[in-house]
Amino acid sequence: MDDPKKRFTRVSINTADNLKTIAVSAGTLGLSKLSLPEIEVAVDQVARMIPAGNVPGMILSGLTRLSQGRKL
């Protein structure tokens, strides 16, 4: 069975990777007043508090699409 601490760490890393992929995309960067380093710090903090695999990435991706739809 998986050690809970190792699983938490692995899921947190996956969450951070997914959030970073979305957060540094051109569409998302235009939505924030934060600099890239500030976004990366926020992503790391969220990933530690809410390790949820790809869920945060899916949410950010959906928000990006919604904001792009308003620009049309």
N, C-alpha and C. Protein backbone atom coordinates (compact mmCIF):
# COMPACT_ATOMS: atom_id res chain seq x y z
N MET A 1 0.84 -1.19 0.00
CA MET A 1 0.00 0.00 0.00
C MET A 1 0.88 1.25 0.00
N ASP A 2 0.40 2.30 -0.61
CA ASP A 2 1.13 3.55 -0.73
C ASP A 2 1.25 4.27 0.61
N ASP A 3 2.45 4.78 0.89
CA ASP A 3 2.66 5.60 2.07
C ASP A 3 1.89 6.91 1.87
N PRO A 4 1.01 7.31 2.81
CA PRO A 4 0.20 8.52 2.64
C PRO A 4 1.02 9.78 2.37
N LYS A 5 2.16 9.91 3.02
CA LYS A 5 2.99 11.10 2.80
C LYS A 5 3.55 11.12 1.38
N LYS A 6 3.99 9.96 0.89
CA LYS A 6 4.52 9.89 -0.47
C LYS A 6 3.41 10.16 -1.48
N ARG A 7 2.23 9.62 -1.23
CA ARG A 7 1.10 9.85 -2.14
C ARG A 7 0.73 11.33 -2.16
N PHE A 8 0.66 11.96 -0.98
CA PHE A 8 0.35 13.38 -0.90
C PHE A 8 1.37 14.20 -1.68
N THR A 9 2.65 13.87 -1.50
CA THR A 9 3.71 14.58 -2.21
C THR A 9 3.56 14.40 -3.71
N ARG A 10 3.32 13.17 -4.15
CA ARG A 10 3.17 12.90 -5.58
C ARG A 10 1.97 13.65 -6.18
N VAL A 11 0.85 13.63 -5.47
CA VAL A 11 -0.35 14.32 -5.95
C VAL A 11 -0.14 15.83 -5.95
N SER A 12 0.56 16.35 -4.95
CA SER A 12 0.86 17.78 -4.91
C SER A 12 1.72 18.20 -6.08
N ILE A 13 2.71 17.38 -6.41
CA ILE A 13 3.58 17.68 -7.56
C ILE A 13 2.77 17.63 -8.85
N ASN A 14 1.90 16.64 -9.00
CA ASN A 14 1.05 16.57 -10.19
C ASN A 14 0.15 17.78 -10.30
N THR A 15 -0.41 18.20 -9.17
CA THR A 15 -1.27 19.39 -9.16
C THR A 15 -0.49 20.62 -9.59
N ALA A 16 0.70 20.80 -9.04
CA ALA A 16 1.52 21.96 -9.40
C ALA A 16 1.88 21.93 -10.88
N ASP A 17 2.24 20.76 -11.39
CA ASP A 17 2.58 20.66 -12.82
C ASP A 17 1.39 21.04 -13.70
N ASN A 18 0.21 20.53 -13.34
CA ASN A 18 -0.98 20.86 -14.14
C ASN A 18 -1.33 22.33 -14.06
N LEU A 19 -1.26 22.89 -12.87
CA LEU A 19 -1.56 24.32 -12.72
C LEU A 19 -0.56 25.19 -13.48
N LYS A 20 0.72 24.83 -13.41
CA LYS A 20 1.75 25.62 -14.10
C LYS A 20 1.55 25.57 -15.61
N THR A 21 1.18 24.41 -16.13
CA THR A 21 0.95 24.28 -17.57
C THR A 21 -0.13 25.25 -18.02
N ILE A 22 -1.21 25.33 -17.26
CA ILE A 22 -2.31 26.23 -17.61
C ILE A 22 -1.95 27.68 -17.30
N ALA A 23 -1.36 27.91 -16.13
CA ALA A 23 -1.10 29.28 -15.67
C ALA A 23 -0.12 30.03 -16.55
N VAL A 24 0.80 29.34 -17.17
CA VAL A 24 1.79 30.05 -17.99
C VAL A 24 1.40 30.11 -19.47
N SER A 25 0.21 29.63 -19.80
CA SER A 25 -0.24 29.73 -21.19
C SER A 25 -0.56 31.19 -21.51
N ALA A 26 -0.47 31.53 -22.76
CA ALA A 26 -0.67 32.92 -23.18
C ALA A 26 -2.05 33.43 -22.78
N GLY A 27 -3.07 32.61 -22.94
CA GLY A 27 -4.43 33.03 -22.60
C GLY A 27 -4.61 33.32 -21.13
N THR A 28 -4.00 32.54 -20.28
CA THR A 28 -4.14 32.72 -18.84
C THR A 28 -3.31 33.88 -18.33
N LEU A 29 -2.12 34.06 -18.86
CA LEU A 29 -1.27 35.16 -18.41
C LEU A 29 -1.96 36.50 -18.62
N GLY A 30 -2.76 36.61 -19.66
CA GLY A 30 -3.48 37.85 -19.93
C GLY A 30 -4.62 38.12 -18.96
N LEU A 31 -5.02 37.10 -18.19
CA LEU A 31 -6.12 37.25 -17.25
C LEU A 31 -5.69 37.77 -15.89
N SER A 32 -4.40 37.76 -15.63
CA SER A 32 -3.90 38.07 -14.30
C SER A 32 -3.04 39.32 -14.30
N LYS A 33 -3.08 40.02 -13.18
CA LYS A 33 -2.20 41.16 -12.99
C LYS A 33 -0.90 40.74 -12.32
N LEU A 34 -0.81 39.44 -11.98
CA LEU A 34 0.40 38.92 -11.34
C LEU A 34 1.49 38.69 -12.36
N SER A 35 2.74 38.82 -11.91
CA SER A 35 3.88 38.50 -12.77
C SER A 35 4.03 36.98 -12.81
N LEU A 36 4.82 36.48 -13.75
CA LEU A 36 5.04 35.04 -13.85
C LEU A 36 5.61 34.45 -12.56
N PRO A 37 6.63 35.09 -11.94
CA PRO A 37 7.12 34.54 -10.66
C PRO A 37 6.04 34.52 -9.58
N GLU A 38 5.18 35.52 -9.54
CA GLU A 38 4.09 35.54 -8.55
C GLU A 38 3.09 34.43 -8.82
N ILE A 39 2.81 34.17 -10.09
CA ILE A 39 1.91 33.08 -10.46
C ILE A 39 2.50 31.74 -10.02
N GLU A 40 3.79 31.56 -10.24
CA GLU A 40 4.44 30.30 -9.86
C GLU A 40 4.39 30.08 -8.35
N VAL A 41 4.57 31.13 -7.57
CA VAL A 41 4.48 31.01 -6.11
C VAL A 41 3.05 30.63 -5.71
N ALA A 42 2.07 31.28 -6.30
CA ALA A 42 0.68 30.97 -6.00
C ALA A 42 0.34 29.53 -6.37
N VAL A 43 0.82 29.08 -7.51
CA VAL A 43 0.58 27.71 -7.95
C VAL A 43 1.16 26.72 -6.94
N ASP A 44 2.37 26.96 -6.50
CA ASP A 44 3.00 26.06 -5.53
C ASP A 44 2.22 26.02 -4.22
N GLN A 45 1.74 27.17 -3.78
CA GLN A 45 0.97 27.22 -2.52
C GLN A 45 -0.35 26.47 -2.66
N VAL A 46 -1.03 26.66 -3.77
CA VAL A 46 -2.30 25.96 -3.99
C VAL A 46 -2.07 24.46 -4.07
N ALA A 47 -1.03 24.04 -4.77
CA ALA A 47 -0.75 22.61 -4.92
C ALA A 47 -0.47 21.95 -3.58
N ARG A 48 0.14 22.67 -2.65
CA ARG A 48 0.42 22.10 -1.33
C ARG A 48 -0.85 22.00 -0.49
N MET A 49 -1.75 22.96 -0.65
CA MET A 49 -2.96 22.99 0.17
C MET A 49 -4.08 22.13 -0.42
N ILE A 50 -4.17 22.08 -1.73
CA ILE A 50 -5.28 21.38 -2.39
C ILE A 50 -4.73 20.44 -3.46
N PRO A 51 -4.06 19.38 -3.06
CA PRO A 51 -3.53 18.46 -4.06
C PRO A 51 -4.66 17.66 -4.69
N ALA A 52 -4.96 17.96 -5.92
CA ALA A 52 -6.12 17.32 -6.55
C ALA A 52 -5.82 16.83 -7.96
N GLY A 53 -4.58 16.51 -8.24
CA GLY A 53 -4.26 16.01 -9.58
C GLY A 53 -4.57 17.01 -10.65
N ASN A 54 -5.41 16.65 -11.59
CA ASN A 54 -5.69 17.50 -12.74
C ASN A 54 -6.91 18.41 -12.55
N VAL A 55 -7.62 18.31 -11.44
CA VAL A 55 -8.81 19.12 -11.25
C VAL A 55 -8.52 20.62 -11.35
N PRO A 56 -7.50 21.16 -10.66
CA PRO A 56 -7.23 22.60 -10.80
C PRO A 56 -6.91 22.99 -12.24
N GLY A 57 -6.19 22.14 -12.94
CA GLY A 57 -5.87 22.44 -14.33
C GLY A 57 -7.12 22.51 -15.20
N MET A 58 -8.04 21.60 -14.96
CA MET A 58 -9.29 21.60 -15.72
C MET A 58 -10.11 22.85 -15.42
N ILE A 59 -10.12 23.26 -14.16
CA ILE A 59 -10.86 24.48 -13.79
C ILE A 59 -10.24 25.69 -14.45
N LEU A 60 -8.92 25.83 -14.37
CA LEU A 60 -8.26 26.98 -15.00
C LEU A 60 -8.44 26.97 -16.51
N SER A 61 -8.40 25.80 -17.10
CA SER A 61 -8.60 25.70 -18.54
C SER A 61 -10.01 26.18 -18.92
N GLY A 62 -10.99 25.77 -18.15
CA GLY A 62 -12.36 26.21 -18.40
C GLY A 62 -12.53 27.70 -18.22
N LEU A 63 -11.90 28.26 -17.19
CA LEU A 63 -11.97 29.71 -16.98
C LEU A 63 -11.33 30.47 -18.13
N THR A 64 -10.23 29.94 -18.64
CA THR A 64 -9.56 30.57 -19.77
C THR A 64 -10.48 30.60 -20.99
N ARG A 65 -11.14 29.48 -21.25
CA ARG A 65 -12.04 29.42 -22.40
C ARG A 65 -13.22 30.37 -22.22
N LEU A 66 -13.74 30.48 -20.99
CA LEU A 66 -14.84 31.40 -20.74
C LEU A 66 -14.43 32.84 -21.01
N SER A 67 -13.26 33.23 -20.54
CA SER A 67 -12.81 34.61 -20.73
C SER A 67 -12.53 34.89 -22.20
N GLN A 68 -12.05 33.92 -22.93
CA GLN A 68 -11.80 34.10 -24.36
C GLN A 68 -13.10 34.27 -25.12
N GLY A 69 -14.14 33.59 -24.68
CA GLY A 69 -15.44 33.70 -25.32
C GLY A 69 -16.03 35.09 -25.17
N ARG A 70 -15.73 35.77 -24.06
CA ARG A 70 -16.24 37.13 -23.85
C ARG A 70 -15.58 38.13 -24.77
N LYS A 71 -14.37 37.83 -25.23
CA LYS A 71 -13.65 38.78 -26.08
C LYS A 71 -14.18 38.78 -27.51
N LEU A 72 -14.92 37.72 -27.89
CA LEU A 72 -15.42 37.61 -29.27
C LEU A 72 -16.47 38.58 -29.59
